[in-house]
Amino acid sequence: MPKVVDHEGRRAELAVALWRVALRDGFDAVTVRSVAEESAWSAGALRHYFPDKTGMVLFAIDFVVESVRQRIGDANATAGSLSRQLVQAHLEQLLPLDDERRLESEVWFALVALAHRDPAAAQRRAEVDELVRGAVESAVAALAELGALGSERERGAETARLHALLDGMVVQLLARPTRLSPQQARDILGLHLAELCA
């Protein structure tokens, strides 16, 4: 009788190994070889699931997207009624304010780099960018419910501005952590939202 292989279970096992390597050594250290060593699998067996680093990055970005969705849902569930603080908690899930979110942002930058030469990565990059844009749009819609941003034109302009602010803070938090700390990023975002709601 042929052996039944739990492919989803194996992919989950490899995902854990991938994230262990990334958390310990940074996402640049994630290769087919390093993940194979971490999981005690052969590189050949691992390539059955992830043929190359692009495959691993796409898998990692799917993991990140699900993680961010879960965190946003948890933040919304625990924050109570609609408020500026709830909007801020929602948006903070998109910033690298701790080790987990820092790694997620590194995965995003790896995807951006791969998107220049790989069509599948380019499509996934566009999908993730739309997901972020949607999160910002929902935050702006909540601000409008709180009495800020009266016109549709104001909401459109603020969506673009807030998206750019978040992207800029992601870059600075990763590239220049001595210049912008997580608490400073929270303060900047809080001040921006307070000014909109004033």
C-alpha atoms as a PDB file:
ATOM      1  CA  MET A   1       0.000   0.000   0.000  1.00  0.00           C
ATOM      2  CA  PRO A   2       1.485   3.386  -0.980  1.00  0.00           C
ATOM      3  CA  LYS A   3       2.608   5.664   1.835  1.00  0.00           C
ATOM      4  CA  VAL A   4       0.319   8.663   2.437  1.00  0.00           C
ATOM      5  CA  VAL A   5       2.326  11.875   2.675  1.00  0.00           C
ATOM      6  CA  ASP A   6       0.943  14.839   4.594  1.00  0.00           C
ATOM      7  CA  HIS A   7       2.166  17.588   2.254  1.00  0.00           C
ATOM      8  CA  GLU A   8       0.535  20.407   4.196  1.00  0.00           C
ATOM      9  CA  GLY A   9       2.105  19.133   7.400  1.00  0.00           C
ATOM     10  CA  ARG A  10       5.502  19.039   5.713  1.00  0.00           C
ATOM     11  CA  ARG A  11       5.095  22.566   4.354  1.00  0.00           C
ATOM     12  CA  ALA A  12       4.165  23.754   7.842  1.00  0.00           C
ATOM     13  CA  GLU A  13       7.271  22.035   9.248  1.00  0.00           C
ATOM     14  CA  LEU A  14       9.422  23.735   6.631  1.00  0.00           C
ATOM     15  CA  ALA A  15       7.757  27.067   7.339  1.00  0.00           C
ATOM     16  CA  VAL A  16       8.756  26.778  10.995  1.00  0.00           C
ATOM     17  CA  ALA A  17      12.356  26.027   9.960  1.00  0.00           C
ATOM     18  CA  LEU A  18      12.344  28.954   7.523  1.00  0.00           C
ATOM     19  CA  TRP A  19      11.178  31.373  10.228  1.00  0.00           C
ATOM     20  CA  ARG A  20      13.714  30.010  12.738  1.00  0.00           C
ATOM     21  CA  VAL A  21      16.531  30.767  10.275  1.00  0.00           C
ATOM     22  CA  ALA A  22      15.106  34.185   9.480  1.00  0.00           C
ATOM     23  CA  LEU A  23      14.587  35.183  13.130  1.00  0.00           C
ATOM     24  CA  ARG A  24      18.044  34.002  14.134  1.00  0.00           C
ATOM     25  CA  ASP A  25      20.119  35.127  11.138  1.00  0.00           C
ATOM     26  CA  GLY A  26      17.972  37.598   9.163  1.00  0.00           C
ATOM     27  CA  PHE A  27      15.950  36.964   6.039  1.00  0.00           C
ATOM     28  CA  ASP A  28      18.981  37.254   3.741  1.00  0.00           C
ATOM     29  CA  ALA A  29      20.230  34.017   5.335  1.00  0.00           C
ATOM     30  CA  VAL A  30      17.139  32.114   4.155  1.00  0.00           C
ATOM     31  CA  THR A  31      18.228  29.795   1.342  1.00  0.00           C
ATOM     32  CA  VAL A  32      17.208  26.317   0.263  1.00  0.00           C
ATOM     33  CA  ARG A  33      20.405  25.040   1.891  1.00  0.00           C
ATOM     34  CA  SER A  34      20.018  26.878   5.218  1.00  0.00           C
ATOM     35  CA  VAL A  35      16.362  25.841   5.582  1.00  0.00           C
ATOM     36  CA  ALA A  36      17.260  22.247   4.666  1.00  0.00           C
ATOM     37  CA  GLU A  37      19.936  22.209   7.377  1.00  0.00           C
ATOM     38  CA  GLU A  38      17.576  23.750   9.939  1.00  0.00           C
ATOM     39  CA  SER A  39      14.812  21.246   9.192  1.00  0.00           C
ATOM     40  CA  ALA A  40      17.222  18.262   8.939  1.00  0.00           C
ATOM     41  CA  TRP A  41      15.883  17.587   5.456  1.00  0.00           C
ATOM     42  CA  SER A  42      17.918  17.110   2.330  1.00  0.00           C
ATOM     43  CA  ALA A  43      18.056  20.053  -0.073  1.00  0.00           C
ATOM     44  CA  GLY A  44      16.533  17.774  -2.715  1.00  0.00           C
ATOM     45  CA  ALA A  45      13.530  16.941  -0.533  1.00  0.00           C
ATOM     46  CA  LEU A  46      13.034  20.601   0.332  1.00  0.00           C
ATOM     47  CA  ARG A  47      13.131  21.593  -3.343  1.00  0.00           C
ATOM     48  CA  HIS A  48      10.045  19.431  -3.859  1.00  0.00           C
ATOM     49  CA  TYR A  49       8.151  22.072  -1.846  1.00  0.00           C
ATOM     50  CA  PHE A  50      10.225  25.198  -2.554  1.00  0.00           C
ATOM     51  CA  PRO A  51      12.209  24.913  -5.801  1.00  0.00           C
ATOM     52  CA  ASP A  52      14.170  28.107  -5.140  1.00  0.00           C
ATOM     53  CA  LYS A  53      14.404  31.166  -2.909  1.00  0.00           C
ATOM     54  CA  THR A  54      11.586  32.859  -4.860  1.00  0.00           C
ATOM     55  CA  GLY A  55       9.274  30.003  -3.870  1.00  0.00           C
ATOM     56  CA  MET A  56      10.303  30.412  -0.245  1.00  0.00           C
ATOM     57  CA  VAL A  57       9.793  34.195  -0.341  1.00  0.00           C
ATOM     58  CA  LEU A  58       6.303  33.762  -1.821  1.00  0.00           C
ATOM     59  CA  PHE A  59       5.475  31.211   0.858  1.00  0.00           C
ATOM     60  CA  ALA A  60       6.858  33.531   3.548  1.00  0.00           C
ATOM     61  CA  ILE A  61       4.858  36.503   2.244  1.00  0.00           C
ATOM     62  CA  ASP A  62       1.648  34.428   2.384  1.00  0.00           C
ATOM     63  CA  PHE A  63       2.510  33.642   5.997  1.00  0.00           C
ATOM     64  CA  VAL A  64       3.113  37.362   6.673  1.00  0.00           C
ATOM     65  CA  VAL A  65      -0.192  38.403   5.081  1.00  0.00           C
ATOM     66  CA  GLU A  66      -2.118  35.921   7.219  1.00  0.00           C
ATOM     67  CA  SER A  67      -0.237  37.033  10.330  1.00  0.00           C
ATOM     68  CA  VAL A  68      -0.993  40.723   9.670  1.00  0.00           C
ATOM     69  CA  ARG A  69      -4.677  39.969   9.011  1.00  0.00           C
ATOM     70  CA  GLN A  70      -4.854  38.048  12.283  1.00  0.00           C
ATOM     71  CA  ARG A  71      -3.161  40.841  14.261  1.00  0.00           C
ATOM     72  CA  ILE A  72      -5.440  43.508  12.772  1.00  0.00           C
ATOM     73  CA  GLY A  73      -8.461  41.375  13.647  1.00  0.00           C
ATOM     74  CA  ASP A  74      -7.164  40.879  17.199  1.00  0.00           C
ATOM     75  CA  ALA A  75      -6.420  44.616  17.604  1.00  0.00           C
ATOM     76  CA  ASN A  76      -9.900  45.506  16.390  1.00  0.00           C
ATOM     77  CA  ALA A  77     -11.538  42.929  18.670  1.00  0.00           C
ATOM     78  CA  THR A  78      -9.752  44.088  21.822  1.00  0.00           C
ATOM     79  CA  ALA A  79      -9.872  47.846  21.258  1.00  0.00           C
ATOM     80  CA  GLY A  80     -13.619  48.256  21.771  1.00  0.00           C
ATOM     81  CA  SER A  81     -15.652  50.977  20.101  1.00  0.00           C
ATOM     82  CA  LEU A  82     -14.401  53.068  17.203  1.00  0.00           C
ATOM     83  CA  SER A  83     -11.803  55.626  18.285  1.00  0.00           C
ATOM     84  CA  ARG A  84      -8.599  57.282  17.133  1.00  0.00           C
ATOM     85  CA  GLN A  85      -6.728  54.777  19.334  1.00  0.00           C
ATOM     86  CA  LEU A  86      -8.371  51.884  17.496  1.00  0.00           C
ATOM     87  CA  VAL A  87      -7.339  53.393  14.149  1.00  0.00           C
ATOM     88  CA  GLN A  88      -3.775  53.743  15.418  1.00  0.00           C
ATOM     89  CA  ALA A  89      -3.704  50.155  16.702  1.00  0.00           C
ATOM     90  CA  HIS A  90      -4.958  49.032  13.277  1.00  0.00           C
ATOM     91  CA  LEU A  91      -2.208  50.938  11.429  1.00  0.00           C
ATOM     92  CA  GLU A  92       0.570  49.935  13.821  1.00  0.00           C
ATOM     93  CA  GLN A  93       0.174  46.338  12.639  1.00  0.00           C
ATOM     94  CA  LEU A  94       1.782  47.489   9.366  1.00  0.00           C
ATOM     95  CA  LEU A  95       4.940  48.879  11.036  1.00  0.00           C
ATOM     96  CA  PRO A  96       8.056  46.923  12.148  1.00  0.00           C
ATOM     97  CA  LEU A  97       7.697  47.784  15.833  1.00  0.00           C
ATOM     98  CA  ASP A  98       8.965  44.453  17.204  1.00  0.00           C
ATOM     99  CA  ASP A  99      11.103  41.517  16.043  1.00  0.00           C
ATOM    100  CA  GLU A 100       8.221  39.679  14.374  1.00  0.00           C
ATOM    101  CA  ARG A 101       7.055  42.705  12.387  1.00  0.00           C
ATOM    102  CA  ARG A 102      10.663  43.656  11.562  1.00  0.00           C
ATOM    103  CA  LEU A 103      11.142  40.245   9.977  1.00  0.00           C
ATOM    104  CA  GLU A 104       7.847  40.610   8.105  1.00  0.00           C
ATOM    105  CA  SER A 105       9.093  43.900   6.660  1.00  0.00           C
ATOM    106  CA  GLU A 106      12.369  42.248   5.618  1.00  0.00           C
ATOM    107  CA  VAL A 107      10.315  39.613   3.778  1.00  0.00           C
ATOM    108  CA  TRP A 108       8.394  42.434   2.065  1.00  0.00           C
ATOM    109  CA  PHE A 109      11.639  44.041   0.869  1.00  0.00           C
ATOM    110  CA  ALA A 110      12.892  40.674  -0.385  1.00  0.00           C
ATOM    111  CA  LEU A 111       9.656  40.370  -2.360  1.00  0.00           C
ATOM    112  CA  VAL A 112      10.073  43.888  -3.785  1.00  0.00           C
ATOM    113  CA  ALA A 113      13.590  42.997  -4.957  1.00  0.00           C
ATOM    114  CA  LEU A 114      12.428  39.707  -6.528  1.00  0.00           C
ATOM    115  CA  ALA A 115       9.497  41.431  -8.235  1.00  0.00           C
ATOM    116  CA  HIS A 116      11.891  43.196 -10.627  1.00  0.00           C
ATOM    117  CA  ARG A 117      12.832  39.889 -12.251  1.00  0.00           C
ATOM    118  CA  ASP A 118      10.101  37.373 -11.425  1.00  0.00           C
ATOM    119  CA  PRO A 119       6.508  37.705 -12.707  1.00  0.00           C
ATOM    120  CA  ALA A 120       5.002  35.634  -9.850  1.00  0.00           C
ATOM    121  CA  ALA A 121       6.775  37.817  -7.289  1.00  0.00           C
ATOM    122  CA  ALA A 122       5.641  40.961  -9.125  1.00  0.00           C
ATOM    123  CA  GLN A 123       2.018  39.795  -9.003  1.00  0.00           C
ATOM    124  CA  ARG A 124       2.273  38.970  -5.292  1.00  0.00           C
ATOM    125  CA  ARG A 125       3.931  42.345  -4.591  1.00  0.00           C
ATOM    126  CA  ALA A 126       1.005  44.107  -6.257  1.00  0.00           C
ATOM    127  CA  GLU A 127      -1.475  42.022  -4.221  1.00  0.00           C
ATOM    128  CA  VAL A 128       0.279  42.843  -0.937  1.00  0.00           C
ATOM    129  CA  ASP A 129       0.480  46.523  -1.826  1.00  0.00           C
ATOM    130  CA  GLU A 130      -3.279  46.492  -2.428  1.00  0.00           C
ATOM    131  CA  LEU A 131      -3.777  44.787   0.932  1.00  0.00           C
ATOM    132  CA  VAL A 132      -1.807  47.571   2.660  1.00  0.00           C
ATOM    133  CA  ARG A 133      -3.701  50.182   0.662  1.00  0.00           C
ATOM    134  CA  GLY A 134      -6.974  48.590   1.747  1.00  0.00           C
ATOM    135  CA  ALA A 135      -5.913  48.701   5.405  1.00  0.00           C
ATOM    136  CA  VAL A 136      -5.094  52.398   5.038  1.00  0.00           C
ATOM    137  CA  GLU A 137      -8.387  53.092   3.249  1.00  0.00           C
ATOM    138  CA  SER A 138     -10.328  51.410   6.065  1.00  0.00           C
ATOM    139  CA  ALA A 139      -8.422  53.509   8.616  1.00  0.00           C
ATOM    140  CA  VAL A 140      -9.270  56.691   6.688  1.00  0.00           C
ATOM    141  CA  ALA A 141     -12.926  55.622   6.464  1.00  0.00           C
ATOM    142  CA  ALA A 142     -12.933  55.165  10.254  1.00  0.00           C
ATOM    143  CA  LEU A 143     -11.424  58.643  10.690  1.00  0.00           C
ATOM    144  CA  ALA A 144     -14.211  60.020   8.500  1.00  0.00           C
ATOM    145  CA  GLU A 145     -16.761  58.361  10.802  1.00  0.00           C
ATOM    146  CA  LEU A 146     -15.058  60.144  13.699  1.00  0.00           C
ATOM    147  CA  GLY A 147     -15.687  63.481  11.975  1.00  0.00           C
ATOM    148  CA  ALA A 148     -12.362  64.021  10.255  1.00  0.00           C
ATOM    149  CA  LEU A 149     -11.893  64.289   6.466  1.00  0.00           C
ATOM    150  CA  GLY A 150     -15.292  65.447   5.333  1.00  0.00           C
ATOM    151  CA  SER A 151     -15.074  65.203   1.542  1.00  0.00           C
ATOM    152  CA  GLU A 152     -14.265  62.247  -0.679  1.00  0.00           C
ATOM    153  CA  ARG A 153     -11.383  64.252  -2.136  1.00  0.00           C
ATOM    154  CA  GLU A 154      -9.924  64.768   1.354  1.00  0.00           C
ATOM    155  CA  ARG A 155     -10.243  61.054   2.067  1.00  0.00           C
ATOM    156  CA  GLY A 156      -8.461  60.161  -1.175  1.00  0.00           C
ATOM    157  CA  ALA A 157      -5.631  62.597  -0.480  1.00  0.00           C
ATOM    158  CA  GLU A 158      -5.254  61.355   3.097  1.00  0.00           C
ATOM    159  CA  THR A 159      -5.172  57.723   1.984  1.00  0.00           C
ATOM    160  CA  ALA A 160      -2.225  58.499  -0.304  1.00  0.00           C
ATOM    161  CA  ARG A 161      -0.488  60.599   2.347  1.00  0.00           C
ATOM    162  CA  LEU A 162      -0.962  58.084   5.165  1.00  0.00           C
ATOM    163  CA  HIS A 163       0.180  55.203   2.953  1.00  0.00           C
ATOM    164  CA  ALA A 164       3.341  57.157   2.089  1.00  0.00           C
ATOM    165  CA  LEU A 165       3.931  58.040   5.758  1.00  0.00           C
ATOM    166  CA  LEU A 166       3.700  54.378   6.778  1.00  0.00           C
ATOM    167  CA  ASP A 167       5.975  53.230   3.938  1.00  0.00           C
ATOM    168  CA  GLY A 168       8.539  55.893   4.879  1.00  0.00           C
ATOM    169  CA  MET A 169       8.484  54.856   8.523  1.00  0.00           C
ATOM    170  CA  VAL A 170       8.946  51.188   7.564  1.00  0.00           C
ATOM    171  CA  VAL A 171      12.090  52.102   5.611  1.00  0.00           C
ATOM    172  CA  GLN A 172      13.486  54.254   8.413  1.00  0.00           C
ATOM    173  CA  LEU A 173      12.685  51.737  11.153  1.00  0.00           C
ATOM    174  CA  LEU A 174      14.599  49.076   9.201  1.00  0.00           C
ATOM    175  CA  ALA A 175      17.418  51.120   7.710  1.00  0.00           C
ATOM    176  CA  ARG A 176      18.039  53.703  10.455  1.00  0.00           C
ATOM    177  CA  PRO A 177      16.719  52.319  13.762  1.00  0.00           C
ATOM    178  CA  THR A 178      18.958  54.737  15.690  1.00  0.00           C
ATOM    179  CA  ARG A 179      17.213  57.638  13.973  1.00  0.00           C
ATOM    180  CA  LEU A 180      13.637  56.391  14.405  1.00  0.00           C
ATOM    181  CA  SER A 181      12.713  54.119  17.311  1.00  0.00           C
ATOM    182  CA  PRO A 182       9.454  52.152  17.542  1.00  0.00           C
ATOM    183  CA  GLN A 183       8.166  54.563  20.201  1.00  0.00           C
ATOM    184  CA  GLN A 184       9.002  57.580  18.033  1.00  0.00           C
ATOM    185  CA  ALA A 185       7.152  55.948  15.132  1.00  0.00           C
ATOM    186  CA  ARG A 186       4.103  55.407  17.366  1.00  0.00           C
ATOM    187  CA  ASP A 187       4.304  59.036  18.504  1.00  0.00           C
ATOM    188  CA  ILE A 188       4.544  60.345  14.924  1.00  0.00           C
ATOM    189  CA  LEU A 189       1.563  58.265  13.831  1.00  0.00           C
ATOM    190  CA  GLY A 190      -0.413  59.324  16.909  1.00  0.00           C
ATOM    191  CA  LEU A 191       0.347  63.008  16.315  1.00  0.00           C
ATOM    192  CA  HIS A 192      -0.670  62.730  12.668  1.00  0.00           C
ATOM    193  CA  LEU A 193      -3.990  61.100  13.550  1.00  0.00           C
ATOM    194  CA  ALA A 194      -4.619  63.610  16.353  1.00  0.00           C
ATOM    195  CA  GLU A 195      -4.092  66.491  13.925  1.00  0.00           C
ATOM    196  CA  LEU A 196      -6.565  64.958  11.486  1.00  0.00           C
ATOM    197  CA  CYS A 197      -9.173  64.574  14.213  1.00  0.00           C
ATOM    198  CA  ALA A 198      -8.628  68.021  15.751  1.00  0.00           C
END
